[in-house]
Each structure stands twice: as C-alpha cells, then as structure tokens.
C-alpha cells in the first residue's frame, strides 16, 4: 500500500495526469470544434441550417474524446487519439471547401 501511495506522489504520475487532462479538455474542445465545422460543410442542406445538427452532434464528440484521453493506456496514446481525429476533421473541412 505504501508503494502505491509513493508512486502516486512522483512526478511521472503527475505528468501523466496533467497530459491526460490537457488532452481531455483542450484536445476534446479542438476535436469537437473541428468535427462541427467539417460536418456543417458536408451535410446536404443549406449551410445556415447545417450548423445546428453539426453542433449538437459535436456535443457528443467532446465527451467521447475526454473519455478516450483517460481510458488510453498511456498519455502518448491519449494524445494520438486526439490529434488523429483532429487532423482528419480538419482535412475534411478544408477539402469540403469554403463556408458559404
């Protein structure tokens, strides 16, 4: 029991938690925003009307990314699970063209 408490007090454990917290907050916000932007551009409806369903679905993506950040095996996988979808949604948004 003392070994587990001592391990939690170490700087590696604190860095692990800090990296996951950053991935789960800042990363989740970025992924959700890019998801909403990409989806609003590709939905087959007027752009003004496409914003609402894209934003509502982004409210589901944000917590999913946060959960992933804390369920991943290590902080590197947590950040990979944030950066890869963010890059994918950014590419989709750019390839879909300029907003109307």
Protein backbone atom coordinates (compact mmCIF):
# COMPACT_ATOMS: atom_id res chain seq x y z
CA UNK A 1 0.00 0.00 0.00
CA UNK A 2 2.82 2.41 0.82
CA UNK A 3 4.43 1.73 -2.56
CA UNK A 4 1.27 2.71 -4.43
CA UNK A 5 0.96 5.93 -2.44
CA UNK A 6 4.62 6.75 -3.03
CA UNK A 7 4.23 6.06 -6.76
CA UNK A 8 1.28 8.46 -7.00
CA UNK A 9 3.31 11.21 -5.40
CA UNK A 10 6.01 11.01 -8.07
CA UNK A 11 6.44 13.46 -10.90
CA UNK A 12 5.72 10.84 -13.58
CA UNK A 13 2.27 10.18 -12.21
CA UNK A 14 1.56 13.91 -12.02
CA UNK A 15 2.82 14.44 -15.57
CA UNK A 16 0.65 11.55 -16.75
CA UNK A 17 -2.44 13.09 -15.17
CA UNK A 18 -1.56 16.56 -16.48
CA UNK A 19 -1.08 15.27 -20.04
CA UNK A 20 -4.37 13.38 -19.95
CA UNK A 21 -6.16 16.40 -18.50
CA UNK A 22 -4.83 18.63 -21.27
CA UNK A 23 -5.80 16.07 -23.91
CA UNK A 24 -9.23 15.64 -22.35
CA UNK A 25 -10.01 19.36 -22.15
CA UNK A 26 -8.14 21.33 -24.80
CA UNK A 27 -7.93 18.39 -27.18
CA UNK A 28 -11.59 17.49 -26.80
CA UNK A 29 -12.61 21.09 -27.47
CA UNK A 30 -10.47 21.21 -30.61
CA UNK A 31 -11.78 17.89 -31.93
CA UNK A 32 -15.40 18.86 -31.24
CA UNK A 33 -14.97 22.24 -32.94
CA UNK A 34 -13.30 20.71 -35.99
CA UNK A 35 -15.96 18.00 -36.14
CA UNK A 36 -18.74 20.60 -36.09
CA UNK A 37 -17.03 22.69 -38.77
CA UNK A 38 -16.39 19.69 -41.04
CA UNK A 39 -19.87 18.25 -40.61
CA UNK A 40 -21.56 21.59 -41.23
CA UNK A 41 -19.72 21.83 -44.54
CA UNK A 42 -20.55 18.33 -45.78
CA UNK A 43 -24.19 18.00 -44.72
CA UNK A 44 -26.50 18.17 -47.76
CA UNK A 45 -28.53 21.16 -46.59
CA UNK A 46 -28.15 24.93 -46.59
CA UNK A 47 -25.09 25.90 -44.57
CA UNK A 48 -27.07 28.06 -42.14
CA UNK A 49 -29.32 25.11 -41.29
CA UNK A 50 -26.44 22.60 -41.18
CA UNK A 51 -24.80 24.37 -38.25
CA UNK A 52 -27.40 23.24 -35.71
CA UNK A 53 -27.21 19.44 -36.19
CA UNK A 54 -23.42 19.62 -36.57
CA UNK A 55 -23.08 21.50 -33.28
CA UNK A 56 -25.47 19.16 -31.47
CA UNK A 57 -23.50 16.12 -32.62
CA UNK A 58 -20.27 17.82 -31.58
CA UNK A 59 -21.62 17.87 -28.02
CA UNK A 60 -21.38 14.07 -28.15
CA UNK A 61 -17.90 14.02 -29.67
CA UNK A 62 -16.32 16.19 -26.95
CA UNK A 63 -17.10 13.87 -24.02
CA UNK A 64 -16.14 10.84 -26.11
CA UNK A 65 -12.69 12.31 -26.70
CA UNK A 66 -12.37 13.14 -23.00
CA UNK A 67 -13.24 9.56 -22.09
CA UNK A 68 -10.70 8.30 -24.58
CA UNK A 69 -8.00 10.51 -23.06
CA UNK A 70 -8.46 8.92 -19.65
CA UNK A 71 -9.06 5.35 -20.85
CA UNK A 72 -6.00 5.16 -23.10
CA UNK A 73 -3.07 3.09 -21.84
CA UNK A 74 -0.62 5.98 -21.72
CA UNK A 75 -0.54 9.72 -22.44
CA UNK A 76 1.02 9.19 -25.88
CA UNK A 77 -1.96 7.12 -27.00
CA UNK A 78 -4.29 9.64 -25.43
CA UNK A 79 -2.76 12.45 -27.48
CA UNK A 80 -2.70 10.26 -30.59
CA UNK A 81 -6.43 9.67 -30.10
CA UNK A 82 -6.90 13.43 -30.03
CA UNK A 83 -4.52 14.55 -32.78
CA UNK A 84 -5.50 11.97 -35.41
CA UNK A 85 -9.26 12.74 -35.37
CA UNK A 86 -8.49 16.46 -35.23
CA UNK A 87 -6.32 16.17 -38.32
CA UNK A 88 -8.96 14.07 -40.06
CA UNK A 89 -11.76 16.55 -39.35
CA UNK A 90 -9.54 19.48 -40.33
CA UNK A 91 -8.74 17.80 -43.65
CA UNK A 92 -12.40 17.06 -44.30
CA UNK A 93 -13.31 20.66 -43.50
CA UNK A 94 -10.62 22.01 -45.81
CA UNK A 95 -11.45 19.64 -48.66
CA UNK A 96 -15.17 20.42 -48.39
CA UNK A 97 -14.47 23.99 -49.47
CA UNK A 98 -15.04 27.41 -48.05
CA UNK A 99 -18.13 28.05 -45.96
CA UNK A 100 -20.97 29.77 -47.78
